[in-house]
N, C-alpha and C. Protein backbone atom coordinates (compact mmCIF):
# COMPACT_ATOMS: atom_id res chain seq x y z
N MET A 1 0.66 -0.81 0.19
CA MET A 1 -0.18 -0.11 -0.01
C MET A 1 0.72 1.18 -0.19
N SER A 2 0.29 2.42 -0.70
CA SER A 2 1.49 3.66 -1.18
C SER A 2 0.73 4.09 0.17
N PHE A 3 -0.06 4.10 1.19
CA PHE A 3 -0.08 5.34 1.86
C PHE A 3 -0.91 4.92 3.45
N VAL A 4 -0.84 4.88 4.72
CA VAL A 4 -2.00 4.43 5.58
C VAL A 4 -2.79 5.28 5.83
N THR A 5 -3.67 5.30 5.96
CA THR A 5 -5.16 6.58 6.95
C THR A 5 -4.98 5.84 8.51
N THR A 6 -5.78 7.17 8.83
CA THR A 6 -6.35 6.70 10.32
C THR A 6 -7.71 7.17 10.23
N PRO A 7 -7.80 6.21 11.62
CA PRO A 7 -9.79 6.78 11.55
C PRO A 7 -9.52 8.15 11.39
N MET A 8 -8.86 9.45 12.22
CA MET A 8 -9.58 10.76 11.73
C MET A 8 -8.93 11.49 10.36
N GLY A 9 -8.26 10.75 9.31
CA GLY A 9 -7.86 11.38 7.99
C GLY A 9 -8.47 11.08 7.54
N LYS A 10 -8.97 11.97 6.30
CA LYS A 10 -9.33 12.52 4.64
C LYS A 10 -9.25 11.52 4.08
N GLN A 11 -9.92 9.89 3.10
CA GLN A 11 -10.43 9.57 1.78
C GLN A 11 -9.82 10.30 0.66
N ILE A 12 -8.98 9.03 0.29
CA ILE A 12 -8.84 10.62 -1.53
C ILE A 12 -8.59 9.74 -2.32
N LYS A 13 -9.71 10.34 -3.20
CA LYS A 13 -10.99 9.49 -4.11
C LYS A 13 -10.79 11.23 -5.36
N MET A 14 -10.28 10.72 -6.09
CA MET A 14 -9.84 11.56 -7.30
C MET A 14 -11.08 11.14 -8.91
N LYS A 15 -11.56 12.16 -9.16
CA LYS A 15 -12.83 11.71 -10.46
C LYS A 15 -11.92 11.12 -11.47
N GLY A 16 -10.65 10.70 -11.61
CA GLY A 16 -10.02 10.74 -12.66
C GLY A 16 -9.29 11.51 -14.34
N THR A 17 -9.97 12.82 -13.66
CA THR A 17 -9.04 13.78 -15.26
C THR A 17 -9.19 15.15 -14.48
N LEU A 18 -8.34 15.88 -15.08
CA LEU A 18 -7.95 16.96 -14.15
C LEU A 18 -9.18 18.32 -15.33
N LYS A 19 -10.02 19.01 -14.36
CA LYS A 19 -10.81 20.24 -14.73
C LYS A 19 -9.43 20.76 -16.10
N GLY A 20 -10.43 21.45 -17.26
CA GLY A 20 -9.59 22.37 -17.67
C GLY A 20 -8.61 21.57 -18.61
N ILE A 21 -7.82 20.31 -18.59
CA ILE A 21 -7.31 20.09 -19.58
C ILE A 21 -8.02 19.13 -20.65
N LYS A 22 -8.67 18.30 -21.70
CA LYS A 22 -8.91 17.59 -22.14
C LYS A 22 -7.98 16.91 -22.78
N ASN A 23 -8.59 15.00 -22.89
CA ASN A 23 -8.74 13.93 -22.84
C ASN A 23 -7.44 13.25 -22.41
N LEU A 24 -7.04 13.91 -20.91
CA LEU A 24 -5.62 13.37 -19.53
C LEU A 24 -7.37 12.86 -18.95
N TYR A 25 -6.88 11.33 -18.71
CA TYR A 25 -7.54 10.28 -17.39
C TYR A 25 -6.16 9.54 -16.51
N VAL A 26 -6.20 10.29 -15.67
CA VAL A 26 -5.42 9.76 -14.70
C VAL A 26 -5.92 8.10 -13.89
N ALA A 27 -4.88 7.90 -13.77
CA ALA A 27 -5.25 6.44 -13.49
C ALA A 27 -3.33 5.99 -12.44
N GLY A 28 -3.62 5.51 -11.38
CA GLY A 28 -2.46 4.97 -10.40
C GLY A 28 -2.43 4.51 -8.69
N GLN A 29 -1.01 3.80 -8.43
CA GLN A 29 -1.96 3.50 -6.89
C GLN A 29 -1.70 5.35 -6.49
N TRP A 30 -1.73 5.78 -6.43
CA TRP A 30 -1.80 7.22 -5.95
C TRP A 30 -3.27 8.06 -6.15
N THR A 31 -4.10 7.56 -6.60
CA THR A 31 -5.53 8.85 -6.98
C THR A 31 -6.66 8.20 -6.21
N ASN A 32 -6.70 6.78 -5.16
CA ASN A 32 -7.44 6.92 -4.24
C ASN A 32 -6.25 5.98 -3.48
N SER A 33 -7.53 6.13 -2.01
CA SER A 33 -6.80 5.99 -0.73
C SER A 33 -7.35 4.49 -0.09
N PRO A 34 -6.64 2.83 -0.17
CA PRO A 34 -5.14 3.27 0.45
C PRO A 34 -4.27 2.92 -0.56
N GLY A 35 -4.36 3.09 -1.55
CA GLY A 35 -3.19 2.88 -2.60
C GLY A 35 -2.44 1.39 -2.09
N GLY A 36 -2.04 1.04 -3.34
CA GLY A 36 -1.29 0.18 -4.25
C GLY A 36 -1.82 -1.13 -5.35
N LEU A 37 -1.85 -2.30 -5.80
CA LEU A 37 -1.23 -2.13 -7.00
C LEU A 37 -2.81 -2.54 -7.33
N PRO A 38 -3.41 -3.42 -6.15
CA PRO A 38 -4.77 -3.27 -6.62
C PRO A 38 -6.01 -1.93 -6.80
N VAL A 39 -5.93 -0.89 -5.91
CA VAL A 39 -6.45 0.00 -6.70
C VAL A 39 -6.12 1.18 -7.85
N ALA A 40 -4.75 0.48 -8.81
CA ALA A 40 -4.18 0.97 -10.02
C ALA A 40 -4.52 0.29 -10.44
N VAL A 41 -4.87 -1.00 -10.82
CA VAL A 41 -4.59 -1.97 -11.39
C VAL A 41 -6.78 -1.80 -12.01
N ALA A 42 -7.45 -1.24 -10.29
CA ALA A 42 -9.28 -0.68 -11.24
C ALA A 42 -9.06 0.67 -11.49
N SER A 43 -7.90 1.50 -11.13
CA SER A 43 -8.09 3.28 -11.47
C SER A 43 -7.23 3.05 -12.81
N GLY A 44 -6.74 1.52 -13.54
CA GLY A 44 -6.25 2.26 -15.17
C GLY A 44 -7.65 1.61 -15.53
N LYS A 45 -9.13 0.55 -14.89
CA LYS A 45 -10.19 0.36 -15.35
C LYS A 45 -10.22 0.88 -15.66
N PHE A 46 -10.62 1.84 -14.41
CA PHE A 46 -12.14 2.64 -15.39
C PHE A 46 -11.22 3.88 -15.26
N ALA A 47 -10.02 4.22 -16.00
CA ALA A 47 -9.36 4.69 -17.26
C ALA A 47 -10.16 5.14 -18.10
N ILE A 48 -9.70 3.51 -18.88
CA ILE A 48 -9.87 2.71 -19.49
C ILE A 48 -12.13 2.68 -20.14
N GLN A 49 -12.86 2.72 -19.01
CA GLN A 49 -13.76 2.79 -19.36
C GLN A 49 -14.79 4.92 -19.56
N ARG A 50 -14.00 5.79 -19.14
CA ARG A 50 -13.39 6.90 -19.41
C ARG A 50 -14.40 7.39 -20.74
N ILE A 51 -13.15 6.14 -20.58
CA ILE A 51 -12.48 6.65 -22.94
C ILE A 51 -13.68 6.61 -22.94
N LEU A 52 -14.13 4.73 -23.53
CA LEU A 52 -15.06 4.12 -24.53
C LEU A 52 -15.81 5.85 -24.11
N LYS A 53 -16.33 5.76 -22.92
CA LYS A 53 -17.95 6.34 -22.89
C LYS A 53 -17.49 7.19 -23.83
N LYS A 54 -16.61 8.39 -23.66
CA LYS A 54 -16.45 9.27 -24.37
C LYS A 54 -17.03 9.19 -26.10
N GLN A 55 -16.03 8.24 -26.24
CA GLN A 55 -16.27 8.03 -27.67
C GLN A 55 -18.14 6.86 -28.36
N ARG A 56 -18.04 6.98 -27.16
CA ARG A 56 -19.85 5.71 -27.65
C ARG A 56 -19.41 4.92 -27.23
N ARG A 57 -18.29 4.01 -27.19
CA ARG A 57 -18.24 2.89 -27.61
C ARG A 57 -17.91 1.74 -26.48
N SER A 58 -18.67 0.40 -26.87
CA SER A 58 -18.34 -0.96 -25.38
C SER A 58 -16.85 -1.77 -25.59
N ILE A 59 -17.08 -1.26 -24.25
CA ILE A 59 -15.47 -2.49 -23.92
C ILE A 59 -15.80 -4.21 -24.64
N GLU A 60 -17.04 -4.72 -24.85
CA GLU A 60 -16.91 -5.65 -25.36
C GLU A 60 -17.39 -5.13 -27.09
N LEU A 61 -16.22 -6.77 -27.86
CA LEU A 61 -15.65 -6.49 -29.13
C LEU A 61 -17.36 -6.02 -30.05
């Protein structure tokens, strides 16, 4: 895991895009807490889903 949350700590979650920058999708272990490899994999999946949704495409072939 990339960092440890505390009971009083704030949960970190990014939307996956940055305001003002078109066609940029953010993915990685630092985008959601507590981070780590499973979070990075899920973050990448969600980034792909956002791209496909914008292109009005399905993940199925």
